[in-house]
N, C-alpha and C. Protein backbone atom coordinates (compact mmCIF):
# COMPACT_ATOMS: atom_id res chain seq x y z
N MET A 1 -29.51 54.33 -49.50
CA MET A 1 -29.26 52.95 -49.16
C MET A 1 -30.55 52.16 -49.19
N ASP A 2 -30.59 50.98 -49.65
CA ASP A 2 -31.61 50.25 -49.82
C ASP A 2 -32.12 49.83 -48.60
N LYS A 3 -33.55 50.22 -48.11
CA LYS A 3 -33.85 49.74 -46.68
C LYS A 3 -34.03 48.25 -46.40
N SER A 4 -34.31 47.42 -47.61
CA SER A 4 -34.66 46.19 -47.42
C SER A 4 -33.17 45.39 -47.21
N HIS A 5 -31.99 45.73 -47.72
CA HIS A 5 -31.06 45.40 -47.60
C HIS A 5 -30.24 45.92 -45.77
N THR A 6 -30.91 46.65 -45.37
CA THR A 6 -30.47 47.31 -44.01
C THR A 6 -31.28 46.18 -43.00
N LEU A 7 -32.41 45.99 -43.46
CA LEU A 7 -33.42 45.19 -42.59
C LEU A 7 -33.02 43.79 -42.64
N ASN A 8 -32.40 43.38 -43.80
CA ASN A 8 -31.46 41.96 -43.86
C ASN A 8 -30.46 41.62 -43.18
N LYS A 9 -29.74 42.53 -42.79
CA LYS A 9 -28.64 42.48 -42.30
C LYS A 9 -28.71 42.47 -40.82
N ALA A 10 -30.01 43.26 -40.44
CA ALA A 10 -30.13 43.33 -39.13
C ALA A 10 -30.76 41.84 -38.69
N SER A 11 -31.55 41.43 -39.72
CA SER A 11 -32.15 39.96 -39.09
C SER A 11 -31.32 39.03 -39.23
N LYS A 12 -30.04 39.26 -40.07
CA LYS A 12 -29.04 38.20 -39.65
C LYS A 12 -28.48 38.32 -38.48
N LYS A 13 -28.26 39.46 -38.00
CA LYS A 13 -27.34 39.82 -36.81
C LYS A 13 -28.47 39.05 -35.62
N VAL A 14 -29.44 39.22 -35.59
CA VAL A 14 -30.63 39.02 -34.67
C VAL A 14 -30.52 37.33 -34.70
N SER A 15 -30.45 36.73 -35.49
CA SER A 15 -30.42 35.22 -36.00
C SER A 15 -29.22 34.69 -35.32
N LYS A 16 -28.17 35.63 -35.49
CA LYS A 16 -26.94 34.86 -35.33
C LYS A 16 -26.64 34.93 -33.66
N ASN A 17 -26.93 36.13 -33.21
CA ASN A 17 -26.84 36.11 -31.54
C ASN A 17 -27.93 35.33 -31.26
N ARG A 18 -28.81 34.90 -31.14
CA ARG A 18 -29.93 33.84 -31.07
C ARG A 18 -29.25 32.28 -31.07
N ALA A 19 -28.62 32.31 -32.10
CA ALA A 19 -27.76 31.22 -32.07
C ALA A 19 -26.85 30.73 -31.29
N GLN A 20 -26.22 32.00 -31.15
CA GLN A 20 -24.74 31.75 -30.08
C GLN A 20 -25.52 31.68 -28.47
N LYS A 21 -26.22 32.10 -28.17
CA LYS A 21 -27.47 31.95 -26.69
C LYS A 21 -27.65 30.77 -26.77
N ALA A 22 -28.20 30.09 -27.66
CA ALA A 22 -28.55 28.84 -27.58
C ALA A 22 -27.65 27.89 -27.76
N GLY A 23 -26.39 28.24 -28.01
CA GLY A 23 -25.08 27.08 -28.00
C GLY A 23 -24.96 26.73 -29.04
N CYS A 24 -25.93 27.09 -30.35
CA CYS A 24 -25.71 26.61 -31.76
C CYS A 24 -24.46 27.11 -32.48
N PRO A 25 -23.83 26.59 -33.18
CA PRO A 25 -23.14 27.00 -34.07
C PRO A 25 -23.46 28.11 -35.09
N SER A 26 -22.59 29.32 -35.24
CA SER A 26 -23.09 30.12 -35.93
C SER A 26 -22.74 30.05 -37.57
N LYS A 27 -23.88 30.34 -38.50
CA LYS A 27 -23.70 29.90 -39.90
C LYS A 27 -22.25 30.63 -40.52
N THR A 28 -21.74 31.59 -39.82
CA THR A 28 -21.05 32.41 -40.34
C THR A 28 -19.56 31.76 -39.98
N ARG A 29 -19.66 30.69 -39.43
CA ARG A 29 -18.07 29.79 -39.17
C ARG A 29 -18.29 28.21 -39.52
N GLN A 30 -17.53 27.64 -39.83
CA GLN A 30 -17.50 26.31 -40.24
C GLN A 30 -17.74 25.46 -39.10
N SER A 31 -18.74 24.75 -39.24
CA SER A 31 -19.08 23.63 -37.86
C SER A 31 -17.82 22.76 -37.59
N THR A 32 -17.63 22.28 -36.75
CA THR A 32 -16.37 21.16 -36.46
C THR A 32 -17.57 20.09 -35.33
N LEU A 33 -16.70 18.85 -35.20
CA LEU A 33 -17.06 17.70 -34.74
C LEU A 33 -17.74 18.18 -33.23
N LYS A 34 -16.93 18.96 -32.63
CA LYS A 34 -17.40 19.38 -31.22
C LYS A 34 -18.51 20.01 -31.17
N ASP A 35 -19.08 20.57 -32.31
CA ASP A 35 -20.32 21.28 -32.17
C ASP A 35 -21.76 20.03 -32.09
N HIS A 36 -21.49 18.93 -32.67
CA HIS A 36 -22.09 18.18 -32.84
C HIS A 36 -22.00 16.65 -31.86
N PHE A 37 -20.81 16.63 -31.37
CA PHE A 37 -20.79 15.41 -30.21
C PHE A 37 -20.19 15.99 -29.10
N ALA A 38 -20.79 15.51 -27.98
CA ALA A 38 -19.93 16.01 -26.29
C ALA A 38 -18.55 15.48 -26.55
N VAL A 39 -17.83 16.36 -25.88
CA VAL A 39 -16.37 15.97 -25.40
C VAL A 39 -16.21 15.41 -24.52
N ARG A 40 -15.44 14.22 -24.65
CA ARG A 40 -15.58 13.25 -23.61
C ARG A 40 -14.07 13.73 -22.72
N ARG A 41 -14.41 13.44 -21.42
CA ARG A 41 -13.48 13.99 -20.28
C ARG A 41 -12.78 12.88 -19.79
N SER A 42 -11.58 12.27 -19.72
CA SER A 42 -11.12 11.18 -19.15
C SER A 42 -11.46 11.18 -17.51
N SER A 43 -11.78 10.09 -17.06
CA SER A 43 -12.03 9.68 -15.60
C SER A 43 -10.92 9.30 -15.10
N ARG A 44 -9.72 9.20 -15.66
CA ARG A 44 -8.84 8.51 -15.02
C ARG A 44 -8.20 9.64 -14.12
N LYS A 45 -7.53 9.14 -12.76
CA LYS A 45 -7.33 9.67 -11.81
C LYS A 45 -5.85 10.12 -11.74
N CYS A 46 -5.04 11.21 -11.54
CA CYS A 46 -3.61 11.49 -11.76
C CYS A 46 -3.02 10.77 -10.44
N LYS A 47 -1.41 10.34 -10.72
CA LYS A 47 -0.81 9.33 -9.82
C LYS A 47 -0.74 10.04 -8.49
N SER A 48 -0.92 11.84 -8.40
CA SER A 48 -0.78 11.84 -6.80
C SER A 48 -1.90 11.73 -6.25
N VAL A 49 -3.20 11.50 -6.89
CA VAL A 49 -4.46 11.15 -6.16
C VAL A 49 -4.53 9.92 -6.04
N LEU A 50 -4.19 8.85 -6.81
CA LEU A 50 -4.11 7.65 -6.52
C LEU A 50 -3.15 7.14 -5.53
N ASP A 51 -2.12 7.79 -5.43
CA ASP A 51 -0.91 7.56 -4.13
C ASP A 51 -1.88 8.00 -2.95
N ASN A 52 -2.31 8.87 -3.04
CA ASN A 52 -3.07 9.44 -1.67
C ASN A 52 -3.96 8.56 -1.34
N GLU A 53 -4.51 7.97 -2.17
CA GLU A 53 -5.68 7.25 -1.77
C GLU A 53 -5.17 5.88 -1.33
N LYS A 54 -4.44 5.35 -1.84
CA LYS A 54 -3.58 4.24 -1.59
C LYS A 54 -2.94 4.44 -0.14
N HIS A 55 -2.26 5.70 0.27
CA HIS A 55 -1.82 5.78 1.53
C HIS A 55 -2.97 5.97 2.41
N CYS A 56 -4.03 6.67 2.29
CA CYS A 56 -5.16 6.60 3.32
C CYS A 56 -5.77 5.27 3.86
N THR A 57 -5.90 4.34 2.48
CA THR A 57 -5.99 2.96 2.91
C THR A 57 -5.30 2.26 3.77
N VAL A 58 -4.17 2.41 3.44
CA VAL A 58 -3.05 1.51 4.53
C VAL A 58 -3.26 2.45 6.07
N VAL A 59 -3.23 3.26 5.91
CA VAL A 59 -3.36 3.86 7.44
C VAL A 59 -4.61 3.57 7.63
N SER A 60 -5.89 3.49 7.25
CA SER A 60 -7.16 3.03 7.76
C SER A 60 -7.02 1.60 8.25
N LYS A 61 -6.21 0.60 7.53
CA LYS A 61 -5.90 -0.62 8.03
C LYS A 61 -4.93 -0.95 8.84
N LEU A 62 -4.26 0.24 9.18
CA LEU A 62 -3.30 -0.23 10.54
C LEU A 62 -3.81 0.22 11.44
N LEU A 63 -4.77 1.21 11.55
CA LEU A 63 -5.09 1.82 12.92
C LEU A 63 -6.43 0.82 13.35
N SER A 64 -7.17 0.05 12.15
CA SER A 64 -7.95 -0.66 12.83
C SER A 64 -7.50 -1.99 13.10
N LYS A 65 -6.19 -1.98 12.80
CA LYS A 65 -5.43 -3.77 12.99
C LYS A 65 -5.71 -4.75 12.09
N GLU A 66 -6.17 -4.37 11.01
CA GLU A 66 -6.84 -5.32 10.12
C GLU A 66 -5.72 -6.42 9.72
N GLU A 67 -6.46 -7.94 9.73
CA GLU A 67 -5.94 -8.74 9.23
C GLU A 67 -6.55 -9.98 8.26
N ASP A 68 -7.47 -9.05 7.88
CA ASP A 68 -8.57 -10.26 7.28
C ASP A 68 -7.83 -11.10 5.66
N GLY A 69 -7.95 -12.08 5.97
CA GLY A 69 -7.37 -13.31 4.81
C GLY A 69 -6.30 -13.88 5.40
N LEU A 70 -6.01 -13.85 6.61
CA LEU A 70 -4.88 -14.50 7.34
C LEU A 70 -5.31 -15.47 8.58
N LYS A 71 -4.62 -16.61 8.15
CA LYS A 71 -4.49 -17.66 9.54
C LYS A 71 -3.46 -18.19 10.07
N ALA A 72 -3.73 -18.35 11.31
CA ALA A 72 -2.35 -19.08 11.86
C ALA A 72 -2.55 -20.79 11.75
N VAL A 73 -1.60 -21.53 11.58
CA VAL A 73 -1.60 -22.61 11.51
C VAL A 73 -0.45 -23.35 11.84
N ASP A 74 -0.33 -24.44 12.20
CA ASP A 74 0.87 -25.28 12.90
C ASP A 74 1.63 -25.80 11.26
N ILE A 75 2.68 -25.66 11.31
CA ILE A 75 3.26 -25.98 9.79
C ILE A 75 4.65 -26.86 10.38
N GLU A 76 4.55 -28.16 9.53
CA GLU A 76 5.62 -29.07 9.70
C GLU A 76 6.95 -28.64 9.69
N GLY A 77 7.60 -29.05 10.98
CA GLY A 77 8.92 -28.32 10.54
C GLY A 77 9.31 -27.00 11.05
N LYS A 78 8.21 -26.22 11.24
CA LYS A 78 8.33 -24.70 11.34
C LYS A 78 7.76 -24.52 12.90
N GLY A 79 6.90 -24.92 13.23
CA GLY A 79 5.99 -24.45 14.60
C GLY A 79 4.87 -23.94 13.88
N ARG A 80 4.40 -22.75 14.51
CA ARG A 80 3.05 -21.94 13.66
C ARG A 80 3.57 -20.95 12.95
N GLY A 81 2.68 -20.74 11.83
CA GLY A 81 3.05 -19.84 10.66
C GLY A 81 1.65 -19.35 10.07
N ILE A 82 1.50 -18.89 9.38
CA ILE A 82 0.46 -17.59 8.74
C ILE A 82 0.48 -18.26 7.34
N VAL A 83 -1.06 -18.49 6.88
CA VAL A 83 -1.34 -19.17 5.59
C VAL A 83 -2.48 -17.89 4.88
N ALA A 84 -2.67 -17.79 3.65
CA ALA A 84 -3.68 -16.76 3.18
C ALA A 84 -4.97 -17.81 3.10
N THR A 85 -5.79 -16.97 3.42
CA THR A 85 -7.55 -17.66 3.43
C THR A 85 -8.07 -17.16 2.04
N ARG A 86 -7.56 -16.15 1.33
CA ARG A 86 -7.92 -15.52 0.15
C ARG A 86 -6.90 -15.07 -0.79
N PHE A 87 -7.18 -14.71 -1.89
CA PHE A 87 -6.12 -14.15 -3.13
C PHE A 87 -6.03 -12.75 -2.63
N PHE A 88 -4.62 -12.50 -2.68
CA PHE A 88 -3.83 -11.19 -2.64
C PHE A 88 -3.24 -11.03 -3.78
N ALA A 89 -3.66 -9.56 -4.61
CA ALA A 89 -2.31 -9.49 -5.52
C ALA A 89 -1.39 -8.98 -5.06
N LYS A 90 -0.05 -8.91 -5.59
CA LYS A 90 0.83 -8.27 -5.40
C LYS A 90 0.94 -6.67 -5.22
N GLY A 91 1.58 -6.66 -4.07
CA GLY A 91 1.37 -4.92 -3.60
C GLY A 91 -0.02 -4.82 -2.59
N ASP A 92 -0.63 -5.83 -2.23
CA ASP A 92 -1.61 -5.82 -1.16
C ASP A 92 -1.19 -5.71 -0.16
N PHE A 93 -1.83 -4.78 0.97
CA PHE A 93 -1.54 -5.05 2.28
C PHE A 93 -1.86 -6.25 3.05
N LEU A 94 -1.15 -6.47 3.83
CA LEU A 94 -1.39 -7.84 4.64
C LEU A 94 -1.31 -7.72 6.00
N CYS A 95 -0.68 -7.42 6.57
CA CYS A 95 -0.87 -6.89 8.10
C CYS A 95 0.04 -5.96 8.82
N GLU A 96 0.07 -5.78 9.82
CA GLU A 96 1.08 -4.65 10.42
C GLU A 96 1.97 -5.82 11.36
N TYR A 97 3.20 -5.65 11.41
CA TYR A 97 4.31 -6.35 12.12
C TYR A 97 3.98 -5.68 13.85
N SER A 98 3.16 -5.89 14.51
CA SER A 98 2.70 -5.02 15.61
C SER A 98 3.62 -5.49 17.01
N GLY A 99 4.02 -4.80 17.78
CA GLY A 99 4.65 -4.98 18.90
C GLY A 99 5.15 -3.83 19.45
N ASP A 100 6.12 -3.66 20.59
CA ASP A 100 6.68 -2.63 21.13
C ASP A 100 7.66 -1.65 20.12
N LEU A 101 7.18 -0.65 20.24
CA LEU A 101 8.13 0.06 19.04
C LEU A 101 9.28 1.01 20.39
N ILE A 102 10.59 0.61 19.77
CA ILE A 102 11.48 1.12 21.03
C ILE A 102 12.71 1.64 20.34
N SER A 103 13.68 2.33 20.96
CA SER A 103 14.86 2.88 20.49
C SER A 103 15.63 1.41 20.15
N GLU A 104 16.96 1.63 19.49
CA GLU A 104 17.65 0.56 19.05
C GLU A 104 18.70 0.42 20.34
N VAL A 105 18.78 1.07 21.21
CA VAL A 105 19.47 1.01 22.63
C VAL A 105 18.55 -0.03 23.49
N GLU A 106 17.38 0.30 23.63
CA GLU A 106 16.45 -0.54 24.11
C GLU A 106 16.21 -1.81 23.70
N ALA A 107 16.27 -1.86 22.52
CA ALA A 107 16.11 -3.21 21.79
C ALA A 107 17.46 -4.01 22.06
N ARG A 108 18.76 -3.61 22.18
CA ARG A 108 20.02 -4.08 22.45
C ARG A 108 19.93 -5.07 24.00
N LYS A 109 19.37 -4.04 25.06
CA LYS A 109 19.14 -4.37 26.06
C LYS A 109 18.20 -5.71 26.54
N ARG A 110 16.90 -5.64 25.63
CA ARG A 110 16.17 -6.60 25.70
C ARG A 110 16.76 -7.61 25.20
N GLU A 111 17.15 -7.57 23.99
CA GLU A 111 18.13 -8.92 23.33
C GLU A 111 18.95 -9.78 23.91
N ALA A 112 19.78 -8.71 24.67
CA ALA A 112 20.75 -9.50 25.89
C ALA A 112 20.12 -10.32 26.82
N GLN A 113 18.66 -9.87 27.02
CA GLN A 113 18.12 -10.72 28.38
C GLN A 113 17.22 -11.93 27.71
N TYR A 114 17.14 -11.79 26.44
CA TYR A 114 16.07 -12.89 25.70
C TYR A 114 17.34 -14.03 25.39
N VAL A 115 18.52 -13.84 25.23
CA VAL A 115 19.50 -14.75 24.72
C VAL A 115 19.72 -15.39 25.91
N ILE A 116 19.37 -15.23 27.05
CA ILE A 116 19.50 -15.79 28.57
C ILE A 116 18.85 -16.96 28.45
N ASN A 117 17.62 -16.73 28.22
CA ASN A 117 16.54 -17.89 28.07
C ASN A 117 15.99 -18.10 26.80
N PRO A 118 16.64 -19.32 25.88
CA PRO A 118 16.23 -19.87 24.52
C PRO A 118 15.02 -19.82 24.26
N SER A 119 14.29 -20.02 25.35
CA SER A 119 12.92 -20.67 25.25
C SER A 119 11.97 -19.50 24.91
N ILE A 120 12.24 -18.61 25.08
CA ILE A 120 11.68 -17.18 24.81
C ILE A 120 11.31 -17.15 23.59
N GLY A 121 12.68 -17.27 22.85
CA GLY A 121 12.46 -16.72 21.31
C GLY A 121 12.56 -15.53 21.20
N CYS A 122 12.78 -14.75 19.86
CA CYS A 122 13.10 -13.64 19.62
C CYS A 122 12.48 -13.05 18.39
N TYR A 123 11.63 -12.06 18.71
CA TYR A 123 10.77 -11.51 17.55
C TYR A 123 10.94 -10.02 17.10
N MET A 124 12.45 -9.50 17.09
CA MET A 124 12.79 -7.99 17.11
C MET A 124 12.95 -7.83 15.91
N TYR A 125 12.67 -6.68 15.12
CA TYR A 125 12.63 -6.49 13.77
C TYR A 125 13.43 -5.18 14.01
N TYR A 126 14.56 -4.68 13.15
CA TYR A 126 15.25 -3.57 13.44
C TYR A 126 14.94 -2.77 12.11
N PHE A 127 14.82 -1.44 12.09
CA PHE A 127 14.37 -0.91 10.92
C PHE A 127 15.13 0.91 11.47
N THR A 128 15.47 1.46 9.99
CA THR A 128 15.54 2.60 10.13
C THR A 128 14.42 3.84 9.63
N PHE A 129 14.09 4.63 10.06
CA PHE A 129 13.25 5.64 10.15
C PHE A 129 13.61 7.05 9.98
N LYS A 130 13.69 7.58 8.87
CA LYS A 130 14.34 9.07 8.82
C LYS A 130 15.43 9.23 9.78
N GLY A 131 16.55 8.05 9.33
CA GLY A 131 17.92 8.32 9.40
C GLY A 131 18.08 7.61 10.89
N GLU A 132 16.78 7.31 11.78
CA GLU A 132 17.18 6.78 12.96
C GLU A 132 16.68 5.76 12.98
N LYS A 133 17.58 4.75 13.61
CA LYS A 133 17.26 3.36 13.92
C LYS A 133 16.33 2.96 15.10
N PHE A 134 15.31 1.88 14.68
CA PHE A 134 14.39 1.69 15.81
C PHE A 134 14.30 0.05 15.56
N CYS A 135 13.34 -0.33 16.65
CA CYS A 135 13.01 -1.81 16.68
C CYS A 135 11.62 -1.85 17.00
N VAL A 136 11.11 -3.11 16.70
CA VAL A 136 9.87 -3.53 16.68
C VAL A 136 9.61 -4.78 17.47
N ASP A 137 9.69 -4.58 18.91
CA ASP A 137 9.68 -5.96 19.52
C ASP A 137 8.57 -6.65 19.76
N ALA A 138 8.29 -7.90 19.25
CA ALA A 138 7.06 -8.79 19.16
C ALA A 138 7.34 -9.91 19.66
N THR A 139 8.25 -9.77 20.84
CA THR A 139 8.42 -11.02 21.61
C THR A 139 7.25 -11.61 22.30
N ASN A 140 6.51 -10.61 22.98
CA ASN A 140 5.28 -11.04 23.80
C ASN A 140 4.47 -11.49 22.80
N ASP A 141 3.87 -12.23 23.19
CA ASP A 141 2.73 -12.93 22.24
C ASP A 141 1.60 -11.96 22.21
N ASN A 142 1.16 -10.94 21.31
CA ASN A 142 0.07 -10.35 20.97
C ASN A 142 -1.13 -10.86 20.38
N ASN A 143 -1.14 -11.98 19.86
CA ASN A 143 -2.19 -12.35 19.16
C ASN A 143 -2.33 -11.78 17.75
N ARG A 144 -1.22 -11.25 17.13
CA ARG A 144 -1.38 -10.76 15.93
C ARG A 144 -0.44 -11.85 14.94
N CYS A 145 -0.90 -11.36 13.83
CA CYS A 145 -0.19 -12.34 12.52
C CYS A 145 1.34 -12.19 12.19
N GLY A 146 1.26 -10.51 12.35
CA GLY A 146 2.71 -10.38 11.70
C GLY A 146 3.77 -11.31 12.45
N ARG A 147 3.55 -11.08 13.72
CA ARG A 147 5.06 -12.10 14.52
C ARG A 147 5.15 -13.33 14.12
N LEU A 148 4.10 -13.93 13.42
CA LEU A 148 4.30 -15.30 13.22
C LEU A 148 4.63 -16.00 11.47
N ILE A 149 4.64 -14.87 11.25
CA ILE A 149 5.22 -14.73 9.65
C ILE A 149 6.55 -15.60 9.59
N ASN A 150 6.78 -16.36 8.83
CA ASN A 150 8.03 -17.26 8.94
C ASN A 150 9.14 -16.80 7.83
N HIS A 151 10.35 -16.85 8.07
CA HIS A 151 11.44 -16.59 6.91
C HIS A 151 11.47 -17.36 5.92
N SER A 152 11.86 -16.60 4.65
CA SER A 152 12.40 -17.05 3.40
C SER A 152 13.14 -16.32 2.51
N ARG A 153 14.38 -16.66 2.42
CA ARG A 153 15.08 -16.10 1.48
C ARG A 153 14.65 -16.31 -0.06
N THR A 154 14.67 -17.89 -0.24
CA THR A 154 14.11 -18.30 -1.59
C THR A 154 13.17 -18.22 -2.08
N ALA A 155 11.87 -18.33 -1.15
CA ALA A 155 10.63 -18.59 -1.56
C ALA A 155 9.51 -17.14 -0.86
N ALA A 156 10.06 -15.83 -0.66
CA ALA A 156 9.59 -15.08 -0.13
C ALA A 156 8.42 -14.60 -0.92
N ASN A 157 7.05 -14.35 -0.12
CA ASN A 157 6.07 -13.87 -1.26
C ASN A 157 5.42 -12.78 -0.46
N ALA A 158 6.37 -12.05 0.49
CA ALA A 158 6.13 -10.91 1.40
C ALA A 158 6.98 -10.07 1.85
N VAL A 159 6.99 -8.66 1.94
CA VAL A 159 8.04 -7.94 2.07
C VAL A 159 7.56 -6.51 3.11
N THR A 160 8.55 -6.31 3.82
CA THR A 160 8.16 -5.31 4.93
C THR A 160 8.12 -3.73 4.21
N LYS A 161 7.38 -3.01 4.84
CA LYS A 161 7.52 -1.69 4.41
C LYS A 161 7.37 -0.87 5.77
N VAL A 162 7.65 0.51 5.76
CA VAL A 162 7.38 1.39 6.55
C VAL A 162 6.64 2.50 6.27
N LEU A 163 5.58 3.15 7.28
CA LEU A 163 4.77 4.41 6.95
C LEU A 163 4.88 4.93 8.31
N SER A 164 4.54 6.28 7.89
CA SER A 164 4.60 7.33 9.39
C SER A 164 3.00 7.54 9.39
N VAL A 165 2.49 7.41 10.74
CA VAL A 165 1.32 7.82 11.03
C VAL A 165 1.18 8.97 12.11
N ASP A 166 1.04 10.16 11.71
CA ASP A 166 1.19 11.31 12.80
C ASP A 166 2.69 11.34 13.45
N GLY A 167 3.40 10.87 12.36
CA GLY A 167 4.85 10.83 12.97
C GLY A 167 5.46 9.85 13.30
N GLN A 168 4.81 8.83 13.69
CA GLN A 168 4.70 7.72 14.18
C GLN A 168 5.10 6.22 13.29
N PRO A 169 6.17 5.61 13.01
CA PRO A 169 6.75 4.91 12.01
C PRO A 169 5.72 3.37 12.52
N TYR A 170 5.14 2.85 11.49
CA TYR A 170 4.55 1.79 11.48
C TYR A 170 5.08 0.88 10.71
N LEU A 171 5.70 -0.61 11.02
CA LEU A 171 6.02 -1.70 10.42
C LEU A 171 4.63 -2.71 9.92
N TYR A 172 4.83 -2.82 8.38
CA TYR A 172 3.94 -3.66 8.06
C TYR A 172 4.23 -4.52 6.52
N LEU A 173 3.54 -5.66 6.57
CA LEU A 173 3.94 -6.24 5.37
C LEU A 173 2.87 -6.16 4.03
N VAL A 174 3.56 -6.39 2.80
CA VAL A 174 2.76 -6.18 1.54
C VAL A 174 2.78 -7.82 0.99
N ALA A 175 2.25 -8.27 0.01
CA ALA A 175 2.34 -9.01 -0.66
C ALA A 175 3.48 -8.44 -1.77
N ALA A 176 4.68 -9.41 -1.60
CA ALA A 176 5.89 -9.30 -3.05
C ALA A 176 5.28 -9.90 -4.32
N THR A 177 4.65 -11.17 -4.17
CA THR A 177 4.12 -11.56 -5.27
C THR A 177 2.52 -11.65 -5.35
N ASP A 178 1.48 -12.61 -6.33
CA ASP A 178 0.31 -13.09 -5.89
C ASP A 178 0.25 -14.17 -5.03
N VAL A 179 -0.44 -13.78 -4.19
CA VAL A 179 -0.78 -14.93 -3.10
C VAL A 179 -2.16 -15.53 -3.16
N SER A 180 -1.99 -16.95 -3.60
CA SER A 180 -3.26 -17.82 -3.24
C SER A 180 -3.62 -18.22 -2.09
N PRO A 181 -4.90 -18.58 -1.71
CA PRO A 181 -5.47 -19.16 -0.78
C PRO A 181 -5.03 -20.62 -0.46
N GLY A 182 -4.38 -20.92 0.63
CA GLY A 182 -3.64 -21.70 1.22
C GLY A 182 -2.00 -21.60 1.46
N ASP A 183 -1.45 -20.73 0.35
CA ASP A 183 0.00 -20.14 0.46
C ASP A 183 0.38 -20.01 2.04
N GLU A 184 1.25 -20.13 2.30
CA GLU A 184 2.34 -19.71 3.58
C GLU A 184 2.73 -18.38 2.96
N LEU A 185 2.72 -17.42 3.90
CA LEU A 185 3.01 -16.26 3.96
C LEU A 185 4.69 -16.48 4.43
N GLN A 186 5.78 -15.72 3.97
CA GLN A 186 6.90 -15.81 4.24
C GLN A 186 7.69 -14.67 3.56
N TYR A 187 8.77 -13.77 4.49
CA TYR A 187 9.37 -12.90 3.92
C TYR A 187 10.92 -13.04 4.82
N ASP A 188 11.68 -12.59 4.04
CA ASP A 188 13.34 -12.34 4.20
C ASP A 188 13.58 -11.76 5.78
N TYR A 189 13.98 -12.22 6.66
CA TYR A 189 14.14 -11.63 7.79
C TYR A 189 15.14 -10.09 7.89
N GLY A 190 16.06 -10.62 6.87
CA GLY A 190 17.17 -9.55 6.08
C GLY A 190 18.76 -10.14 7.66
N ASP A 191 18.75 -11.09 8.33
CA ASP A 191 19.44 -11.00 8.92
C ASP A 191 20.51 -11.96 8.35
N HIS A 192 21.40 -11.66 7.43
CA HIS A 192 22.66 -12.46 6.87
C HIS A 192 23.82 -12.23 7.57
N THR A 193 24.24 -12.02 8.61
CA THR A 193 25.54 -12.06 9.13
C THR A 193 25.93 -13.49 9.40
N ARG A 194 27.29 -13.83 9.43
CA ARG A 194 27.95 -15.04 9.59
C ARG A 194 27.47 -15.63 11.12
N ALA A 195 27.58 -14.89 12.18
CA ALA A 195 27.07 -15.54 13.12
C ALA A 195 25.81 -16.04 13.66
N SER A 196 24.48 -15.14 13.03
CA SER A 196 23.34 -15.46 12.95
C SER A 196 23.15 -16.43 11.90
N VAL A 197 23.72 -16.86 11.15
CA VAL A 197 23.55 -17.78 9.95
C VAL A 197 24.00 -19.24 10.60
N GLU A 198 25.35 -19.22 11.55
CA GLU A 198 25.65 -20.41 12.11
C GLU A 198 24.70 -20.69 13.27
N ALA A 199 24.21 -19.54 13.73
CA ALA A 199 23.43 -19.98 15.06
C ALA A 199 21.94 -20.70 14.71
N HIS A 200 21.48 -19.85 13.40
CA HIS A 200 20.36 -20.03 12.91
C HIS A 200 20.19 -20.94 11.49
N PRO A 201 20.34 -21.99 10.93
CA PRO A 201 20.97 -22.68 9.56
C PRO A 201 19.63 -22.39 8.75
N TRP A 202 18.30 -22.11 9.29
CA TRP A 202 17.22 -21.88 8.59
C TRP A 202 17.32 -20.37 7.86
N LEU A 203 18.38 -19.39 8.48
CA LEU A 203 18.37 -18.20 7.52
C LEU A 203 18.97 -18.37 6.24
N LYS A 204 19.29 -19.31 5.75
CA LYS A 204 19.81 -19.67 4.52
C LYS A 204 18.70 -19.99 3.50
N LEU A 205 17.60 -20.43 4.26
CA LEU A 205 16.81 -20.86 3.04
C LEU A 205 15.63 -20.08 2.64
């Protein structure tokens, strides 16, 4: 066997190994674009990660009682109401509907007492959580914005949502549309019964 041929083969093998260790493409295969350009990996987050971040953000705002960008004002023909002092995009957190979280049974007892004195007003919000009915009673003025947001069926720009924090339901509002500074916040109270509408004609609006 030709010794020079053997040495040549050995030399080529050593060169190939060094190239592979250095991360260079071997001459024994055809190079590709990946050998010359770095592979770009997407920085986009998956839906589950984004949903978890959004959940944590809402929990933080609820626990810190955030009401940034909201202001209580007197509105002609309505009394007090809430207006935005900054822009809110559709879906943005607005505020908690804060009050006493009670059972439906307790809520009905309180409601019967409130009816006796019409000057008290009623700020009770009934909702269902995990198949059980609850109520947030915000009748006592707690200086929170949620209880002052007025009703509208035709011009609602906010909507209520429920979120569980450590097993406890929290009622809060988010923007149903884009909201501009100066816009009054309104949402549908959801009470469309004939008796309620007859007693409170503004529920039609």
